[in-house]
Amino acid sequence: VQLAESGGGLVQTGGSLRLTCAASGSTSSHNAMSWYRQAPGKQRELVAAISSGSRPTHYADFVKGRFTLARDNGPNTMALQMHGLKPEGTTVYYCNATFRDGACWGPEYWGQGTQVTVSS
């Protein structure tokens, strides 16, 4: 499985960016996909998650009301629309995905990360 991320960049405080992630390879439409972020010297933290089941899309408290996560172009893709970006959002964002084959969930896969820089 390969995860291709795009959409990072430089934006001013209050600006917007849209991150996308597309999975290819041995994937399944039954999946759970997430965005994490990791700032230097800090632990990786969950930003938002979406799954193919009935579970609602999940957002970390620090992005609620500002970010929206949805499928982008097919069941193995997602897009994170980010508004109201803050300087503390300057981090590397990582795509994460896991896929279900029958009753079993497979391993987690990670993208290489995309840098988001928010200037003050």
N, C-alpha and C. Protein backbone atom coordinates (compact mmCIF):
# COMPACT_ATOMS: atom_id res chain seq x y z
N VAL A 1 0.85 -1.19 0.00
CA VAL A 1 0.00 0.00 0.00
C VAL A 1 0.88 1.24 0.00
N GLN A 2 0.54 2.18 -0.84
CA GLN A 2 1.24 3.46 -0.86
C GLN A 2 0.23 4.57 -0.59
N LEU A 3 0.65 5.53 0.21
CA LEU A 3 -0.18 6.69 0.53
C LEU A 3 0.49 7.93 -0.06
N ALA A 4 -0.21 8.60 -0.95
CA ALA A 4 0.32 9.79 -1.59
C ALA A 4 -0.37 11.02 -1.02
N GLU A 5 0.42 11.87 -0.39
CA GLU A 5 -0.09 13.09 0.24
C GLU A 5 0.25 14.29 -0.63
N SER A 6 -0.60 15.29 -0.56
CA SER A 6 -0.32 16.55 -1.25
C SER A 6 -1.06 17.68 -0.57
N GLY A 7 -0.64 18.90 -0.88
CA GLY A 7 -1.38 20.06 -0.42
C GLY A 7 -0.74 20.89 0.65
N GLY A 8 0.39 20.46 1.20
CA GLY A 8 1.04 21.28 2.21
C GLY A 8 1.63 22.54 1.59
N GLY A 9 2.08 23.43 2.46
CA GLY A 9 2.68 24.66 1.97
C GLY A 9 2.76 25.72 3.03
N LEU A 10 2.98 26.94 2.57
CA LEU A 10 3.12 28.09 3.46
C LEU A 10 1.86 28.94 3.36
N VAL A 11 1.36 29.34 4.51
CA VAL A 11 0.15 30.14 4.55
C VAL A 11 0.24 31.11 5.72
N GLN A 12 -0.43 32.23 5.62
CA GLN A 12 -0.44 33.18 6.72
C GLN A 12 -1.46 32.77 7.77
N THR A 13 -1.29 33.29 8.97
CA THR A 13 -2.25 33.03 10.04
C THR A 13 -3.66 33.38 9.58
N GLY A 14 -4.57 32.46 9.84
CA GLY A 14 -5.95 32.65 9.40
C GLY A 14 -6.24 32.13 8.02
N GLY A 15 -5.22 31.70 7.33
CA GLY A 15 -5.38 31.21 5.97
C GLY A 15 -5.89 29.78 5.91
N SER A 16 -5.98 29.26 4.69
CA SER A 16 -6.53 27.93 4.45
C SER A 16 -5.61 27.10 3.59
N LEU A 17 -5.67 25.81 3.82
CA LEU A 17 -4.98 24.84 2.98
C LEU A 17 -5.85 23.59 2.88
N ARG A 18 -5.62 22.83 1.83
CA ARG A 18 -6.35 21.57 1.65
C ARG A 18 -5.34 20.46 1.42
N LEU A 19 -5.35 19.49 2.31
CA LEU A 19 -4.46 18.33 2.19
C LEU A 19 -5.24 17.16 1.63
N THR A 20 -4.62 16.41 0.75
CA THR A 20 -5.25 15.22 0.21
C THR A 20 -4.34 14.01 0.41
N CYS A 21 -4.97 12.86 0.49
CA CYS A 21 -4.24 11.60 0.62
C CYS A 21 -4.97 10.57 -0.23
N ALA A 22 -4.21 9.85 -1.03
CA ALA A 22 -4.78 8.80 -1.86
C ALA A 22 -4.01 7.52 -1.64
N ALA A 23 -4.73 6.45 -1.37
CA ALA A 23 -4.12 5.14 -1.14
C ALA A 23 -4.18 4.32 -2.41
N SER A 24 -3.12 3.59 -2.67
CA SER A 24 -3.08 2.71 -3.84
C SER A 24 -2.40 1.41 -3.44
N GLY A 25 -2.58 0.39 -4.27
CA GLY A 25 -2.01 -0.91 -3.97
C GLY A 25 -3.08 -1.84 -3.43
N SER A 26 -2.73 -2.64 -2.45
CA SER A 26 -3.65 -3.62 -1.87
C SER A 26 -4.58 -2.96 -0.86
N THR A 27 -5.49 -2.17 -1.40
CA THR A 27 -6.41 -1.43 -0.53
C THR A 27 -7.79 -2.09 -0.52
N SER A 28 -8.68 -1.49 0.24
CA SER A 28 -10.05 -1.96 0.33
C SER A 28 -10.94 -0.75 0.57
N SER A 29 -12.16 -0.83 0.08
CA SER A 29 -13.09 0.27 0.35
C SER A 29 -13.52 0.28 1.81
N HIS A 30 -13.26 -0.82 2.51
CA HIS A 30 -13.51 -0.87 3.95
C HIS A 30 -12.23 -0.42 4.64
N ASN A 31 -12.22 0.82 5.07
CA ASN A 31 -10.97 1.34 5.61
C ASN A 31 -11.20 2.42 6.64
N ALA A 32 -10.15 2.77 7.30
CA ALA A 32 -10.13 3.91 8.22
C ALA A 32 -8.92 4.74 7.85
N MET A 33 -9.14 6.01 7.61
CA MET A 33 -8.05 6.90 7.21
C MET A 33 -8.01 8.10 8.15
N SER A 34 -6.82 8.55 8.43
CA SER A 34 -6.65 9.62 9.41
C SER A 34 -5.54 10.56 8.99
N TRP A 35 -5.59 11.75 9.55
CA TRP A 35 -4.48 12.70 9.48
C TRP A 35 -3.92 12.87 10.88
N TYR A 36 -2.62 12.78 10.98
CA TYR A 36 -1.89 13.06 12.20
C TYR A 36 -0.96 14.24 11.91
N ARG A 37 -0.49 14.85 12.98
CA ARG A 37 0.53 15.87 12.83
C ARG A 37 1.59 15.69 13.89
N GLN A 38 2.78 16.14 13.58
CA GLN A 38 3.88 16.02 14.53
C GLN A 38 4.80 17.22 14.40
N ALA A 39 4.87 17.97 15.46
CA ALA A 39 5.79 19.10 15.53
C ALA A 39 7.13 18.62 16.06
N PRO A 40 8.22 19.32 15.77
CA PRO A 40 9.55 18.90 16.26
C PRO A 40 9.57 18.74 17.77
N GLY A 41 10.07 17.63 18.21
CA GLY A 41 10.21 17.38 19.64
C GLY A 41 8.93 16.99 20.34
N LYS A 42 7.85 16.82 19.58
CA LYS A 42 6.58 16.46 20.18
C LYS A 42 6.08 15.13 19.62
N GLN A 43 5.13 14.55 20.34
CA GLN A 43 4.56 13.30 19.88
C GLN A 43 3.59 13.53 18.72
N ARG A 44 3.46 12.53 17.92
CA ARG A 44 2.50 12.60 16.82
C ARG A 44 1.08 12.57 17.42
N GLU A 45 0.20 13.44 16.92
CA GLU A 45 -1.14 13.51 17.48
C GLU A 45 -2.18 13.44 16.37
N LEU A 46 -3.32 12.86 16.71
CA LEU A 46 -4.41 12.71 15.77
C LEU A 46 -5.08 14.05 15.51
N VAL A 47 -5.34 14.33 14.24
CA VAL A 47 -6.03 15.56 13.85
C VAL A 47 -7.48 15.25 13.50
N ALA A 48 -7.69 14.27 12.64
CA ALA A 48 -9.04 13.91 12.22
C ALA A 48 -9.01 12.52 11.61
N ALA A 49 -10.16 11.84 11.68
CA ALA A 49 -10.23 10.47 11.17
C ALA A 49 -11.58 10.22 10.52
N ILE A 50 -11.55 9.40 9.48
CA ILE A 50 -12.77 9.04 8.76
C ILE A 50 -12.73 7.55 8.47
N SER A 51 -13.89 6.89 8.54
CA SER A 51 -13.92 5.46 8.27
C SER A 51 -15.07 5.14 7.32
N SER A 52 -15.02 3.94 6.79
CA SER A 52 -16.03 3.52 5.82
C SER A 52 -17.30 3.03 6.50
N GLY A 53 -17.26 2.81 7.80
CA GLY A 53 -18.44 2.34 8.51
C GLY A 53 -19.34 3.46 8.94
N SER A 54 -20.14 3.20 9.94
CA SER A 54 -21.11 4.19 10.41
C SER A 54 -20.54 5.15 11.45
N ARG A 55 -19.29 4.93 11.82
CA ARG A 55 -18.69 5.80 12.82
C ARG A 55 -18.55 7.22 12.26
N PRO A 56 -18.95 8.22 13.01
CA PRO A 56 -18.84 9.60 12.52
C PRO A 56 -17.40 10.05 12.39
N THR A 57 -17.19 10.99 11.54
CA THR A 57 -15.85 11.56 11.39
C THR A 57 -15.43 12.19 12.71
N HIS A 58 -14.19 11.94 13.07
CA HIS A 58 -13.69 12.39 14.36
C HIS A 58 -12.72 13.54 14.18
N TYR A 59 -12.81 14.53 15.04
CA TYR A 59 -11.90 15.66 15.02
C TYR A 59 -11.29 15.87 16.39
N ALA A 60 -10.02 16.20 16.40
CA ALA A 60 -9.40 16.61 17.65
C ALA A 60 -10.01 17.93 18.08
N ASP A 61 -10.07 18.15 19.39
CA ASP A 61 -10.69 19.37 19.90
C ASP A 61 -10.04 20.63 19.33
N PHE A 62 -8.74 20.58 19.09
CA PHE A 62 -8.04 21.80 18.67
C PHE A 62 -8.33 22.18 17.21
N VAL A 63 -9.09 21.34 16.48
CA VAL A 63 -9.42 21.69 15.09
C VAL A 63 -10.93 21.77 14.84
N LYS A 64 -11.72 21.41 15.84
CA LYS A 64 -13.17 21.42 15.65
C LYS A 64 -13.66 22.80 15.24
N GLY A 65 -14.51 22.82 14.23
CA GLY A 65 -15.05 24.08 13.73
C GLY A 65 -14.18 24.75 12.69
N ARG A 66 -12.95 24.29 12.53
CA ARG A 66 -12.03 24.90 11.55
C ARG A 66 -11.65 23.95 10.43
N PHE A 67 -11.57 22.66 10.73
CA PHE A 67 -11.14 21.67 9.74
C PHE A 67 -12.33 20.78 9.38
N THR A 68 -12.34 20.32 8.12
CA THR A 68 -13.35 19.38 7.66
C THR A 68 -12.66 18.25 6.90
N LEU A 69 -12.99 17.02 7.29
CA LEU A 69 -12.41 15.85 6.64
C LEU A 69 -13.50 15.12 5.87
N ALA A 70 -13.23 14.76 4.63
CA ALA A 70 -14.20 14.05 3.81
C ALA A 70 -13.48 13.22 2.76
N ARG A 71 -14.20 12.28 2.19
CA ARG A 71 -13.65 11.54 1.07
C ARG A 71 -13.45 12.52 -0.09
N ASP A 72 -12.39 12.29 -0.85
CA ASP A 72 -12.07 13.24 -1.91
C ASP A 72 -12.51 12.74 -3.28
N ASN A 73 -11.94 11.64 -3.71
CA ASN A 73 -12.23 11.14 -5.05
C ASN A 73 -12.22 9.62 -5.03
N GLY A 74 -13.13 9.05 -4.28
CA GLY A 74 -13.17 7.62 -4.16
C GLY A 74 -13.01 7.17 -2.72
N PRO A 75 -13.30 5.92 -2.44
CA PRO A 75 -13.30 5.42 -1.06
C PRO A 75 -11.92 5.29 -0.44
N ASN A 76 -10.87 5.35 -1.24
CA ASN A 76 -9.52 5.23 -0.70
C ASN A 76 -8.79 6.57 -0.73
N THR A 77 -9.54 7.62 -0.67
CA THR A 77 -8.97 8.96 -0.65
C THR A 77 -9.62 9.78 0.45
N MET A 78 -8.97 10.86 0.82
CA MET A 78 -9.56 11.79 1.77
C MET A 78 -8.94 13.16 1.56
N ALA A 79 -9.68 14.16 1.98
CA ALA A 79 -9.19 15.52 1.88
C ALA A 79 -9.49 16.23 3.19
N LEU A 80 -8.49 16.93 3.69
CA LEU A 80 -8.64 17.70 4.92
C LEU A 80 -8.62 19.17 4.54
N GLN A 81 -9.76 19.82 4.66
CA GLN A 81 -9.86 21.24 4.40
C GLN A 81 -9.61 21.98 5.71
N MET A 82 -8.59 22.81 5.71
CA MET A 82 -8.18 23.49 6.92
C MET A 82 -8.39 24.99 6.75
N HIS A 83 -9.15 25.56 7.67
CA HIS A 83 -9.37 27.00 7.70
C HIS A 83 -8.87 27.55 9.04
N GLY A 84 -8.67 28.84 9.08
CA GLY A 84 -8.27 29.46 10.33
C GLY A 84 -6.98 28.91 10.89
N LEU A 85 -6.00 28.70 10.03
CA LEU A 85 -4.75 28.10 10.50
C LEU A 85 -4.00 29.03 11.44
N LYS A 86 -3.36 28.41 12.42
CA LYS A 86 -2.64 29.14 13.45
C LYS A 86 -1.16 28.78 13.40
N PRO A 87 -0.29 29.65 13.91
CA PRO A 87 1.15 29.35 13.88
C PRO A 87 1.51 28.02 14.56
N GLU A 88 0.76 27.65 15.60
CA GLU A 88 1.05 26.38 16.25
C GLU A 88 0.68 25.19 15.38
N GLY A 89 0.04 25.45 14.28
CA GLY A 89 -0.25 24.40 13.31
C GLY A 89 0.90 24.15 12.35
N THR A 90 2.02 24.80 12.58
CA THR A 90 3.20 24.55 11.75
C THR A 90 3.80 23.22 12.15
N THR A 91 3.51 22.22 11.38
CA THR A 91 3.96 20.87 11.67
C THR A 91 3.98 20.07 10.36
N VAL A 92 4.41 18.85 10.47
CA VAL A 92 4.30 17.91 9.36
C VAL A 92 3.03 17.10 9.58
N TYR A 93 2.21 17.03 8.53
CA TYR A 93 0.98 16.27 8.59
C TYR A 93 1.19 14.92 7.88
N TYR A 94 0.73 13.87 8.54
CA TYR A 94 0.91 12.52 8.02
C TYR A 94 -0.44 11.86 7.75
N CYS A 95 -0.53 11.20 6.63
CA CYS A 95 -1.70 10.38 6.30
C CYS A 95 -1.49 8.99 6.88
N ASN A 96 -2.55 8.46 7.46
CA ASN A 96 -2.51 7.12 8.05
C ASN A 96 -3.72 6.35 7.52
N ALA A 97 -3.54 5.06 7.24
CA ALA A 97 -4.66 4.27 6.74
C ALA A 97 -4.50 2.82 7.14
N THR A 98 -5.64 2.18 7.35
CA THR A 98 -5.68 0.75 7.57
C THR A 98 -6.89 0.20 6.83
N PHE A 99 -6.79 -1.03 6.37
CA PHE A 99 -7.81 -1.58 5.48
C PHE A 99 -8.31 -2.91 6.02
N ARG A 100 -9.61 -3.15 5.82
CA ARG A 100 -10.20 -4.40 6.30
C ARG A 100 -10.39 -5.37 5.14
N ASP A 101 -9.96 -6.58 5.38
CA ASP A 101 -10.13 -7.67 4.42
C ASP A 101 -10.99 -8.72 5.11
N GLY A 102 -12.25 -8.76 4.74
CA GLY A 102 -13.16 -9.66 5.43
C GLY A 102 -13.39 -9.15 6.85
N ALA A 103 -13.11 -9.99 7.83
CA ALA A 103 -13.33 -9.59 9.22
C ALA A 103 -12.06 -9.06 9.87
N CYS A 104 -10.97 -9.06 9.14
CA CYS A 104 -9.68 -8.70 9.74
C CYS A 104 -9.18 -7.36 9.23
N TRP A 105 -8.68 -6.56 10.16
CA TRP A 105 -8.03 -5.30 9.81
C TRP A 105 -6.54 -5.56 9.62
N GLY A 106 -6.00 -4.97 8.60
CA GLY A 106 -4.58 -5.12 8.31
C GLY A 106 -3.74 -4.13 9.08
N PRO A 107 -2.47 -4.04 8.75
CA PRO A 107 -1.57 -3.12 9.46
C PRO A 107 -1.85 -1.66 9.11
N GLU A 108 -1.29 -0.77 9.88
CA GLU A 108 -1.40 0.65 9.58
C GLU A 108 -0.32 1.03 8.58
N TYR A 109 -0.67 1.93 7.69
CA TYR A 109 0.29 2.48 6.73
C TYR A 109 0.38 3.98 6.95
N TRP A 110 1.57 4.50 6.68
CA TRP A 110 1.83 5.93 6.85
C TRP A 110 2.36 6.54 5.57
N GLY A 111 1.94 7.77 5.32
CA GLY A 111 2.54 8.53 4.25
C GLY A 111 3.85 9.14 4.70
N GLN A 112 4.53 9.81 3.78
CA GLN A 112 5.83 10.40 4.08
C GLN A 112 5.69 11.74 4.79
N GLY A 113 4.52 12.30 4.77
CA GLY A 113 4.31 13.57 5.45
C GLY A 113 4.34 14.75 4.50
N THR A 114 3.58 15.76 4.84
CA THR A 114 3.58 17.00 4.07
C THR A 114 3.67 18.17 5.04
N GLN A 115 4.57 19.09 4.76
CA GLN A 115 4.84 20.20 5.67
C GLN A 115 3.79 21.29 5.52
N VAL A 116 3.27 21.73 6.65
CA VAL A 116 2.39 22.90 6.70
C VAL A 116 3.08 23.95 7.56
N THR A 117 3.26 25.12 7.01
CA THR A 117 3.91 26.21 7.73
C THR A 117 2.95 27.39 7.76
N VAL A 118 2.67 27.87 8.97
CA VAL A 118 1.77 28.99 9.17
C VAL A 118 2.57 30.16 9.71
N SER A 119 2.65 31.21 8.93
CA SER A 119 3.44 32.38 9.34
C SER A 119 2.58 33.32 10.18
N SER A 120 3.22 33.93 11.17
CA SER A 120 2.48 34.85 12.06
C SER A 120 2.54 36.28 11.56
